[in-house]
């Protein structure tokens, strides 16, 4: 996919295996037509706010952001904080998809305005089903402004 095409889902995930499993689950649910994958929090912020390598990207926000919590450079909490603090990006649904089930991470995410918090199952089939359900809900069922 050309980086300047429209993006429905932005996947922010540093683990290539988890990214591939997520993309496979989205494809299985027919939700992967316009998915862009970035590998760290700094790249996510560049993509979202159209800076650096993404300066030429169209002025269109993703319809959904799947955000990992533990990321290199800028962690998921900081990415979420910046998204929800900016009027241009505040309304984008953000689903935290992470292996952390720690109460403090969940509380911090919701305090900052995350729309949903999903703990990654270890087993592939369960992981695939969880991602497909989350994608289906946020892309097809939920109505956004």
N, C-alpha and C. Protein backbone atom coordinates (compact mmCIF):
# COMPACT_ATOMS: atom_id res chain seq x y z
N UNK A 1 0.84 -1.18 0.00
CA UNK A 1 0.00 0.00 0.00
C UNK A 1 0.88 1.25 0.00
N UNK A 2 0.54 2.19 -0.81
CA UNK A 2 1.22 3.48 -0.85
C UNK A 2 0.94 4.21 0.46
N UNK A 3 1.98 4.79 1.08
CA UNK A 3 1.80 5.44 2.37
C UNK A 3 0.87 6.64 2.29
N UNK A 4 0.56 7.13 1.08
CA UNK A 4 -0.27 8.32 0.96
C UNK A 4 -1.71 7.99 0.55
N UNK A 5 -2.07 6.72 0.53
CA UNK A 5 -3.46 6.34 0.31
C UNK A 5 -4.24 6.56 1.59
N UNK A 6 -5.57 6.51 1.49
CA UNK A 6 -6.37 6.67 2.70
C UNK A 6 -6.16 5.47 3.62
N UNK A 7 -6.20 5.72 4.91
CA UNK A 7 -5.97 4.69 5.90
C UNK A 7 -7.19 4.61 6.80
N UNK A 8 -7.75 3.42 6.93
CA UNK A 8 -8.87 3.22 7.84
C UNK A 8 -8.37 2.83 9.23
N UNK A 9 -7.36 1.95 9.27
CA UNK A 9 -6.83 1.46 10.54
C UNK A 9 -5.33 1.72 10.59
N UNK A 10 -4.88 2.34 11.67
CA UNK A 10 -3.45 2.49 11.92
C UNK A 10 -3.08 1.49 13.00
N UNK A 11 -2.17 0.58 12.67
CA UNK A 11 -1.67 -0.41 13.62
C UNK A 11 -0.32 0.05 14.12
N UNK A 12 -0.21 0.25 15.44
CA UNK A 12 1.04 0.68 16.06
C UNK A 12 1.53 -0.49 16.91
N UNK A 13 2.51 -1.22 16.37
CA UNK A 13 2.97 -2.48 17.00
C UNK A 13 4.44 -2.70 16.65
N UNK A 14 5.29 -2.86 17.66
CA UNK A 14 6.71 -3.06 17.41
C UNK A 14 7.09 -4.52 17.16
N UNK A 15 6.26 -5.45 17.57
CA UNK A 15 6.57 -6.87 17.40
C UNK A 15 6.05 -7.34 16.04
N UNK A 16 6.95 -7.70 15.11
CA UNK A 16 6.52 -8.12 13.77
C UNK A 16 5.58 -9.32 13.78
N UNK A 17 5.78 -10.25 14.72
CA UNK A 17 4.90 -11.42 14.80
C UNK A 17 3.48 -11.01 15.20
N UNK A 18 3.37 -10.14 16.22
CA UNK A 18 2.05 -9.66 16.64
C UNK A 18 1.40 -8.83 15.54
N UNK A 19 2.20 -8.04 14.83
CA UNK A 19 1.66 -7.23 13.73
C UNK A 19 1.11 -8.15 12.64
N UNK A 20 1.85 -9.19 12.29
CA UNK A 20 1.40 -10.13 11.26
C UNK A 20 0.12 -10.85 11.71
N UNK A 21 0.07 -11.28 12.97
CA UNK A 21 -1.14 -11.94 13.47
C UNK A 21 -2.33 -10.97 13.42
N UNK A 22 -2.10 -9.72 13.78
CA UNK A 22 -3.17 -8.72 13.75
C UNK A 22 -3.65 -8.50 12.33
N UNK A 23 -2.71 -8.34 11.40
CA UNK A 23 -3.08 -8.12 9.99
C UNK A 23 -3.83 -9.33 9.44
N UNK A 24 -3.39 -10.52 9.80
CA UNK A 24 -4.06 -11.73 9.34
C UNK A 24 -5.49 -11.78 9.87
N UNK A 25 -5.67 -11.42 11.14
CA UNK A 25 -7.01 -11.41 11.73
C UNK A 25 -7.90 -10.37 11.06
N UNK A 26 -7.34 -9.21 10.74
CA UNK A 26 -8.11 -8.16 10.07
C UNK A 26 -8.47 -8.58 8.64
N UNK A 27 -7.54 -9.27 7.96
CA UNK A 27 -7.84 -9.78 6.62
C UNK A 27 -8.96 -10.81 6.68
N UNK A 28 -8.88 -11.69 7.67
CA UNK A 28 -9.89 -12.74 7.84
C UNK A 28 -11.27 -12.12 8.05
N UNK A 29 -11.32 -10.99 8.73
CA UNK A 29 -12.58 -10.29 8.96
C UNK A 29 -12.90 -9.27 7.88
N UNK A 30 -12.15 -9.31 6.75
CA UNK A 30 -12.33 -8.37 5.64
C UNK A 30 -12.23 -6.91 6.08
N UNK A 31 -11.30 -6.63 7.00
CA UNK A 31 -11.12 -5.27 7.51
C UNK A 31 -9.74 -4.71 7.20
N UNK A 32 -8.98 -5.39 6.34
CA UNK A 32 -7.58 -5.02 6.15
C UNK A 32 -7.30 -4.26 4.86
N UNK A 33 -8.31 -3.73 4.20
CA UNK A 33 -8.08 -3.05 2.93
C UNK A 33 -7.17 -1.85 3.06
N UNK A 34 -7.36 -1.08 4.10
CA UNK A 34 -6.58 0.15 4.26
C UNK A 34 -5.97 0.21 5.65
N UNK A 35 -5.00 -0.69 5.88
CA UNK A 35 -4.31 -0.73 7.17
C UNK A 35 -2.88 -0.26 6.94
N UNK A 36 -2.42 0.61 7.80
CA UNK A 36 -1.03 1.03 7.77
C UNK A 36 -0.39 0.59 9.09
N UNK A 37 0.84 0.07 9.00
CA UNK A 37 1.53 -0.43 10.19
C UNK A 37 2.77 0.42 10.44
N UNK A 38 2.87 0.93 11.66
CA UNK A 38 4.08 1.64 12.09
C UNK A 38 4.65 0.89 13.30
N UNK A 39 5.98 0.98 13.47
CA UNK A 39 6.67 0.08 14.40
C UNK A 39 7.07 0.69 15.74
N UNK A 40 6.84 1.98 15.94
CA UNK A 40 7.14 2.58 17.24
C UNK A 40 6.30 3.83 17.45
N UNK A 41 6.32 4.32 18.68
CA UNK A 41 5.48 5.46 19.03
C UNK A 41 5.86 6.74 18.31
N UNK A 42 7.15 6.95 18.07
CA UNK A 42 7.58 8.16 17.36
C UNK A 42 7.06 8.15 15.93
N UNK A 43 7.13 7.00 15.26
CA UNK A 43 6.63 6.89 13.89
C UNK A 43 5.11 7.06 13.87
N UNK A 44 4.43 6.55 14.90
CA UNK A 44 2.98 6.72 15.00
C UNK A 44 2.61 8.20 15.06
N UNK A 45 3.32 8.96 15.88
CA UNK A 45 3.04 10.40 16.00
C UNK A 45 3.33 11.13 14.70
N UNK A 46 4.41 10.75 14.01
CA UNK A 46 4.70 11.35 12.71
C UNK A 46 3.58 11.06 11.72
N UNK A 47 3.11 9.82 11.72
CA UNK A 47 2.04 9.43 10.81
C UNK A 47 0.77 10.22 11.12
N UNK A 48 0.36 10.21 12.37
CA UNK A 48 -0.90 10.82 12.76
C UNK A 48 -0.89 12.33 12.52
N UNK A 49 0.22 12.98 12.89
CA UNK A 49 0.28 14.44 12.77
C UNK A 49 0.95 14.90 11.48
N UNK A 50 1.21 13.95 10.56
CA UNK A 50 1.73 14.24 9.23
C UNK A 50 3.04 15.04 9.27
N UNK A 51 4.02 14.50 10.01
CA UNK A 51 5.36 15.10 10.09
C UNK A 51 6.37 14.15 9.47
N UNK A 52 7.60 14.62 9.30
CA UNK A 52 8.70 13.77 8.86
C UNK A 52 8.37 13.03 7.57
N UNK A 53 8.54 11.71 7.58
CA UNK A 53 8.31 10.88 6.40
C UNK A 53 6.85 10.92 5.94
N UNK A 54 5.96 11.36 6.81
CA UNK A 54 4.53 11.35 6.49
C UNK A 54 3.98 12.75 6.23
N UNK A 55 4.86 13.73 6.00
CA UNK A 55 4.43 15.12 5.80
C UNK A 55 3.50 15.26 4.59
N UNK A 56 3.66 14.41 3.59
CA UNK A 56 2.82 14.50 2.39
C UNK A 56 1.54 13.69 2.46
N UNK A 57 1.29 13.05 3.58
CA UNK A 57 0.09 12.23 3.72
C UNK A 57 -1.15 13.12 3.69
N UNK A 58 -2.23 12.66 3.04
CA UNK A 58 -3.46 13.46 3.00
C UNK A 58 -3.97 13.82 4.40
N UNK A 59 -4.65 14.93 4.48
CA UNK A 59 -5.18 15.44 5.74
C UNK A 59 -6.44 14.64 6.12
N UNK A 60 -6.23 13.37 6.42
CA UNK A 60 -7.34 12.48 6.78
C UNK A 60 -6.87 11.58 7.91
N UNK A 61 -7.64 11.56 8.98
CA UNK A 61 -7.28 10.72 10.13
C UNK A 61 -7.71 9.28 9.90
N UNK A 62 -6.98 8.33 10.50
CA UNK A 62 -7.45 6.94 10.48
C UNK A 62 -8.80 6.87 11.20
N UNK A 63 -9.61 5.89 10.83
CA UNK A 63 -10.90 5.70 11.51
C UNK A 63 -10.72 4.96 12.82
N UNK A 64 -9.60 4.25 12.98
CA UNK A 64 -9.33 3.46 14.17
C UNK A 64 -7.82 3.33 14.34
N UNK A 65 -7.36 3.42 15.59
CA UNK A 65 -5.95 3.19 15.90
C UNK A 65 -5.87 2.02 16.87
N UNK A 66 -5.13 0.98 16.47
CA UNK A 66 -4.83 -0.16 17.34
C UNK A 66 -3.43 0.10 17.88
N UNK A 67 -3.33 0.35 19.17
CA UNK A 67 -2.10 0.86 19.77
C UNK A 67 -1.55 -0.10 20.82
N UNK A 68 -0.30 -0.49 20.63
CA UNK A 68 0.38 -1.30 21.64
C UNK A 68 0.84 -0.38 22.77
N UNK A 69 0.92 -0.90 23.96
CA UNK A 69 1.32 -0.10 25.12
C UNK A 69 2.84 0.05 25.21
N UNK A 70 3.53 -1.06 25.12
CA UNK A 70 4.99 -1.08 25.29
C UNK A 70 5.66 -0.93 23.92
N UNK A 71 6.10 0.29 23.63
CA UNK A 71 6.70 0.60 22.32
C UNK A 71 8.06 1.26 22.51
N UNK A 72 8.96 1.07 21.53
CA UNK A 72 10.23 1.79 21.58
C UNK A 72 10.02 3.28 21.26
N UNK A 73 10.99 4.09 21.64
CA UNK A 73 11.06 5.53 21.39
C UNK A 73 10.02 6.32 22.16
N UNK A 74 8.74 6.12 21.87
CA UNK A 74 7.65 6.79 22.58
C UNK A 74 6.64 5.69 22.93
N UNK A 75 6.32 5.52 24.22
CA UNK A 75 5.41 4.42 24.59
C UNK A 75 3.95 4.75 24.25
N UNK A 76 3.12 3.72 24.31
CA UNK A 76 1.72 3.86 23.94
C UNK A 76 0.95 4.86 24.79
N UNK A 77 1.29 4.96 26.06
CA UNK A 77 0.62 5.93 26.95
C UNK A 77 0.89 7.35 26.46
N UNK A 78 2.12 7.64 26.08
CA UNK A 78 2.46 8.98 25.60
C UNK A 78 1.79 9.27 24.26
N UNK A 79 1.74 8.28 23.37
CA UNK A 79 1.04 8.45 22.09
C UNK A 79 -0.43 8.77 22.36
N UNK A 80 -1.05 7.99 23.23
CA UNK A 80 -2.46 8.20 23.59
C UNK A 80 -2.67 9.60 24.17
N UNK A 81 -1.77 10.00 25.07
CA UNK A 81 -1.87 11.32 25.70
C UNK A 81 -1.85 12.42 24.65
N UNK A 82 -0.95 12.32 23.68
CA UNK A 82 -0.85 13.36 22.63
C UNK A 82 -2.06 13.35 21.71
N UNK A 83 -2.56 12.15 21.40
CA UNK A 83 -3.75 12.05 20.54
C UNK A 83 -4.97 12.71 21.19
N UNK A 84 -5.18 12.39 22.45
CA UNK A 84 -6.39 12.87 23.14
C UNK A 84 -6.27 14.33 23.57
N UNK A 85 -5.04 14.89 23.54
CA UNK A 85 -4.86 16.29 23.91
C UNK A 85 -5.03 17.24 22.71
N UNK A 86 -5.12 16.69 21.51
CA UNK A 86 -5.18 17.51 20.31
C UNK A 86 -6.59 17.47 19.71
N UNK A 87 -7.16 18.64 19.46
CA UNK A 87 -8.52 18.72 18.90
C UNK A 87 -8.65 17.98 17.57
N UNK A 88 -7.58 17.92 16.79
CA UNK A 88 -7.65 17.29 15.47
C UNK A 88 -7.75 15.77 15.56
N UNK A 89 -7.32 15.19 16.68
CA UNK A 89 -7.24 13.73 16.77
C UNK A 89 -8.01 13.14 17.95
N UNK A 90 -8.57 13.99 18.79
CA UNK A 90 -9.22 13.55 20.02
C UNK A 90 -10.33 12.53 19.77
N UNK A 91 -11.08 12.68 18.68
CA UNK A 91 -12.25 11.82 18.43
C UNK A 91 -11.92 10.49 17.77
N UNK A 92 -10.66 10.27 17.39
CA UNK A 92 -10.30 8.99 16.75
C UNK A 92 -10.39 7.88 17.80
N UNK A 93 -11.17 6.83 17.52
CA UNK A 93 -11.21 5.71 18.47
C UNK A 93 -9.84 5.03 18.58
N UNK A 94 -9.40 4.81 19.81
CA UNK A 94 -8.12 4.16 20.06
C UNK A 94 -8.38 2.91 20.91
N UNK A 95 -7.91 1.77 20.40
CA UNK A 95 -8.01 0.52 21.13
C UNK A 95 -6.59 0.12 21.52
N UNK A 96 -6.36 0.05 22.81
CA UNK A 96 -5.06 -0.42 23.32
C UNK A 96 -5.08 -1.93 23.19
N UNK A 97 -4.14 -2.49 22.43
CA UNK A 97 -4.02 -3.94 22.25
C UNK A 97 -2.64 -4.31 22.78
N UNK A 98 -2.61 -4.91 23.96
CA UNK A 98 -1.34 -5.09 24.65
C UNK A 98 -1.31 -6.39 25.44
N UNK A 99 -0.12 -6.81 25.81
CA UNK A 99 0.00 -8.00 26.65
C UNK A 99 -0.10 -7.65 28.13
N UNK A 100 -0.14 -6.36 28.46
CA UNK A 100 -0.18 -5.95 29.85
C UNK A 100 -1.60 -5.96 30.41
N UNK A 101 -1.79 -6.77 31.45
CA UNK A 101 -3.08 -6.79 32.15
C UNK A 101 -2.94 -6.08 33.50
N UNK A 102 -1.87 -5.29 33.67
CA UNK A 102 -1.63 -4.60 34.93
C UNK A 102 -2.65 -3.49 35.14
N UNK A 103 -3.21 -3.47 36.34
CA UNK A 103 -4.23 -2.49 36.67
C UNK A 103 -3.81 -1.06 36.41
N UNK A 104 -2.56 -0.71 36.74
CA UNK A 104 -2.12 0.69 36.55
C UNK A 104 -2.10 1.07 35.08
N UNK A 105 -1.77 0.13 34.17
CA UNK A 105 -1.78 0.43 32.73
C UNK A 105 -3.21 0.63 32.24
N UNK A 106 -4.11 -0.20 32.72
CA UNK A 106 -5.51 -0.09 32.32
C UNK A 106 -6.09 1.24 32.80
N UNK A 107 -5.87 1.55 34.08
CA UNK A 107 -6.39 2.80 34.66
C UNK A 107 -5.80 4.01 33.93
N UNK A 108 -4.48 4.01 33.71
CA UNK A 108 -3.83 5.13 33.02
C UNK A 108 -4.40 5.32 31.62
N UNK A 109 -4.63 4.22 30.91
CA UNK A 109 -5.18 4.31 29.55
C UNK A 109 -6.57 4.92 29.54
N UNK A 110 -7.43 4.46 30.44
CA UNK A 110 -8.79 5.00 30.48
C UNK A 110 -8.82 6.45 30.96
N UNK A 111 -7.93 6.81 31.89
CA UNK A 111 -7.87 8.21 32.34
C UNK A 111 -7.49 9.13 31.20
N UNK A 112 -6.70 8.63 30.27
CA UNK A 112 -6.27 9.44 29.13
C UNK A 112 -7.26 9.39 27.97
N UNK A 113 -8.31 8.58 28.08
CA UNK A 113 -9.35 8.59 27.06
C UNK A 113 -9.34 7.45 26.06
N UNK A 114 -8.65 6.34 26.38
CA UNK A 114 -8.69 5.20 25.46
C UNK A 114 -10.14 4.73 25.33
N UNK A 115 -10.51 4.24 24.15
CA UNK A 115 -11.88 3.79 23.92
C UNK A 115 -12.09 2.35 24.33
N UNK A 116 -11.03 1.55 24.29
CA UNK A 116 -11.13 0.15 24.66
C UNK A 116 -9.73 -0.36 25.00
N UNK A 117 -9.67 -1.35 25.89
CA UNK A 117 -8.39 -1.92 26.32
C UNK A 117 -8.51 -3.43 26.18
N UNK A 118 -7.71 -4.00 25.28
CA UNK A 118 -7.78 -5.43 25.00
C UNK A 118 -6.44 -6.06 25.33
N UNK A 119 -6.46 -7.09 26.18
CA UNK A 119 -5.24 -7.82 26.51
C UNK A 119 -5.05 -8.92 25.47
N UNK A 120 -3.86 -8.96 24.87
CA UNK A 120 -3.56 -9.95 23.83
C UNK A 120 -3.59 -11.34 24.42
N UNK A 121 -4.43 -12.21 23.88
CA UNK A 121 -4.35 -13.62 24.28
C UNK A 121 -3.07 -14.23 23.72
N UNK A 122 -2.52 -15.21 24.40
CA UNK A 122 -1.30 -15.86 23.95
C UNK A 122 -1.59 -16.81 22.80
N UNK A 123 -2.71 -17.49 22.82
CA UNK A 123 -3.06 -18.50 21.83
C UNK A 123 -3.53 -17.83 20.54
N UNK A 124 -3.01 -18.27 19.39
CA UNK A 124 -3.27 -17.61 18.11
C UNK A 124 -4.75 -17.50 17.76
N UNK A 125 -5.48 -18.59 17.83
CA UNK A 125 -6.89 -18.55 17.43
C UNK A 125 -7.68 -17.55 18.26
N UNK A 126 -7.43 -17.55 19.56
CA UNK A 126 -8.12 -16.60 20.45
C UNK A 126 -7.70 -15.17 20.13
N UNK A 127 -6.39 -14.96 19.87
CA UNK A 127 -5.89 -13.63 19.52
C UNK A 127 -6.56 -13.15 18.23
N UNK A 128 -6.59 -14.03 17.23
CA UNK A 128 -7.18 -13.69 15.93
C UNK A 128 -8.66 -13.31 16.08
N UNK A 129 -9.38 -14.09 16.86
CA UNK A 129 -10.80 -13.82 17.09
C UNK A 129 -11.01 -12.50 17.83
N UNK A 130 -10.17 -12.22 18.82
CA UNK A 130 -10.28 -10.99 19.59
C UNK A 130 -10.05 -9.77 18.71
N UNK A 131 -8.99 -9.80 17.88
CA UNK A 131 -8.69 -8.69 16.99
C UNK A 131 -9.80 -8.51 15.95
N UNK A 132 -10.29 -9.60 15.39
CA UNK A 132 -11.36 -9.51 14.40
C UNK A 132 -12.61 -8.89 15.01
N UNK A 133 -12.97 -9.29 16.22
CA UNK A 133 -14.15 -8.72 16.88
C UNK A 133 -13.97 -7.24 17.17
N UNK A 134 -12.78 -6.86 17.65
CA UNK A 134 -12.52 -5.45 17.94
C UNK A 134 -12.58 -4.63 16.66
N UNK A 135 -11.95 -5.11 15.61
CA UNK A 135 -11.98 -4.41 14.33
C UNK A 135 -13.39 -4.29 13.79
N UNK A 136 -14.14 -5.38 13.85
CA UNK A 136 -15.53 -5.37 13.36
C UNK A 136 -16.36 -4.33 14.10
N UNK A 137 -16.25 -4.32 15.42
CA UNK A 137 -17.03 -3.37 16.21
C UNK A 137 -16.68 -1.93 15.85
N UNK A 138 -15.39 -1.60 15.91
CA UNK A 138 -14.98 -0.20 15.74
C UNK A 138 -15.09 0.28 14.31
N UNK A 139 -14.97 -0.62 13.32
CA UNK A 139 -15.05 -0.20 11.92
C UNK A 139 -16.45 -0.28 11.34
N UNK A 140 -17.25 -1.24 11.79
CA UNK A 140 -18.54 -1.47 11.14
C UNK A 140 -19.75 -1.17 12.02
N UNK A 141 -19.66 -1.39 13.31
CA UNK A 141 -20.81 -1.21 14.20
C UNK A 141 -20.83 0.20 14.80
N UNK A 142 -19.71 0.62 15.35
CA UNK A 142 -19.62 1.92 16.03
C UNK A 142 -19.76 3.07 15.02
N UNK A 143 -20.47 4.11 15.41
CA UNK A 143 -20.61 5.31 14.58
C UNK A 143 -19.75 6.41 15.19
N UNK A 144 -18.95 7.06 14.35
CA UNK A 144 -18.08 8.14 14.81
C UNK A 144 -18.50 9.46 14.20
N UNK A 145 -18.09 10.56 14.82
CA UNK A 145 -18.48 11.89 14.31
C UNK A 145 -17.86 12.19 12.95
